[in-house]
């Protein structure tokens, strides 16, 4: 999982940026490199992401 790159879309400015899957654990705060808005990866966001990764493997 550590080599998988996830495309993240900022909910505020819609900027897209990449993060490594291993950096996106439940509770992780992700900052948009464009506008600086912070989003917390939590609960079902992480669970849904993990399910999609498992399906693609």
C-alpha atoms as a PDB file:
ATOM      1  CA  UNK A   1       0.000   0.000   0.000  1.00  0.00           C
ATOM      2  CA  UNK A   2       2.874   2.389   0.600  1.00  0.00           C
ATOM      3  CA  UNK A   3       3.657   2.777  -3.105  1.00  0.00           C
ATOM      4  CA  UNK A   4       0.092   3.659  -4.086  1.00  0.00           C
ATOM      5  CA  UNK A   5      -0.540   7.339  -4.817  1.00  0.00           C
ATOM      6  CA  UNK A   6      -3.984   8.779  -4.126  1.00  0.00           C
ATOM      7  CA  UNK A   7      -5.284  11.836  -5.941  1.00  0.00           C
ATOM      8  CA  UNK A   8      -6.877  14.200  -3.399  1.00  0.00           C
ATOM      9  CA  UNK A   9      -9.257  17.011  -4.349  1.00  0.00           C
ATOM     10  CA  UNK A  10      -9.453  20.013  -2.031  1.00  0.00           C
ATOM     11  CA  UNK A  11     -13.078  20.569  -0.957  1.00  0.00           C
ATOM     12  CA  UNK A  12     -12.541  24.343  -0.851  1.00  0.00           C
ATOM     13  CA  UNK A  13     -10.703  25.242  -4.084  1.00  0.00           C
ATOM     14  CA  UNK A  14     -10.976  21.957  -6.065  1.00  0.00           C
ATOM     15  CA  UNK A  15      -7.184  21.798  -6.492  1.00  0.00           C
ATOM     16  CA  UNK A  16      -5.990  18.241  -7.108  1.00  0.00           C
ATOM     17  CA  UNK A  17      -2.806  16.931  -5.525  1.00  0.00           C
ATOM     18  CA  UNK A  18      -1.238  13.552  -4.828  1.00  0.00           C
ATOM     19  CA  UNK A  19      -0.552  11.887  -1.489  1.00  0.00           C
ATOM     20  CA  UNK A  20       0.903   8.479  -0.747  1.00  0.00           C
ATOM     21  CA  UNK A  21      -1.708   6.077   0.613  1.00  0.00           C
ATOM     22  CA  UNK A  22       0.442   5.355   3.671  1.00  0.00           C
ATOM     23  CA  UNK A  23       0.175   9.074   4.604  1.00  0.00           C
ATOM     24  CA  UNK A  24      -3.641   9.000   4.623  1.00  0.00           C
ATOM     25  CA  UNK A  25      -4.468   7.119   7.809  1.00  0.00           C
ATOM     26  CA  UNK A  26      -7.628   7.786   9.818  1.00  0.00           C
ATOM     27  CA  UNK A  27      -7.264  11.130  11.600  1.00  0.00           C
ATOM     28  CA  UNK A  28      -4.592  12.538   9.282  1.00  0.00           C
ATOM     29  CA  UNK A  29      -4.895  16.264   8.526  1.00  0.00           C
ATOM     30  CA  UNK A  30      -4.200  17.053   4.869  1.00  0.00           C
ATOM     31  CA  UNK A  31      -3.390  20.624   3.807  1.00  0.00           C
ATOM     32  CA  UNK A  32      -4.060  21.809   0.276  1.00  0.00           C
ATOM     33  CA  UNK A  33      -0.804  23.082  -1.245  1.00  0.00           C
ATOM     34  CA  UNK A  34      -2.716  25.761  -3.184  1.00  0.00           C
ATOM     35  CA  UNK A  35      -5.122  27.380  -0.689  1.00  0.00           C
ATOM     36  CA  UNK A  36      -3.924  25.889   2.603  1.00  0.00           C
ATOM     37  CA  UNK A  37      -7.370  24.549   3.558  1.00  0.00           C
ATOM     38  CA  UNK A  38      -7.099  21.621   5.968  1.00  0.00           C
ATOM     39  CA  UNK A  39      -9.178  18.464   5.735  1.00  0.00           C
ATOM     40  CA  UNK A  40      -9.147  15.612   8.223  1.00  0.00           C
ATOM     41  CA  UNK A  41      -9.234  12.096   6.833  1.00  0.00           C
ATOM     42  CA  UNK A  42     -11.682  10.330   9.122  1.00  0.00           C
ATOM     43  CA  UNK A  43     -14.150   7.534   9.549  1.00  0.00           C
ATOM     44  CA  UNK A  44     -15.859   6.480   6.341  1.00  0.00           C
ATOM     45  CA  UNK A  45     -13.507   8.547   4.135  1.00  0.00           C
ATOM     46  CA  UNK A  46     -10.619   6.282   5.082  1.00  0.00           C
ATOM     47  CA  UNK A  47     -12.722   3.109   5.125  1.00  0.00           C
ATOM     48  CA  UNK A  48     -14.143   3.793   1.650  1.00  0.00           C
ATOM     49  CA  UNK A  49     -10.664   4.603   0.324  1.00  0.00           C
ATOM     50  CA  UNK A  50      -9.303   1.348   1.767  1.00  0.00           C
ATOM     51  CA  UNK A  51     -12.149  -0.680   0.215  1.00  0.00           C
ATOM     52  CA  UNK A  52     -11.485   0.868  -3.205  1.00  0.00           C
ATOM     53  CA  UNK A  53      -7.770   0.125  -2.879  1.00  0.00           C
ATOM     54  CA  UNK A  54      -8.500  -3.479  -1.906  1.00  0.00           C
ATOM     55  CA  UNK A  55     -10.771  -3.920  -4.944  1.00  0.00           C
ATOM     56  CA  UNK A  56      -8.133  -2.584  -7.322  1.00  0.00           C
ATOM     57  CA  UNK A  57      -5.422  -4.935  -6.012  1.00  0.00           C
END
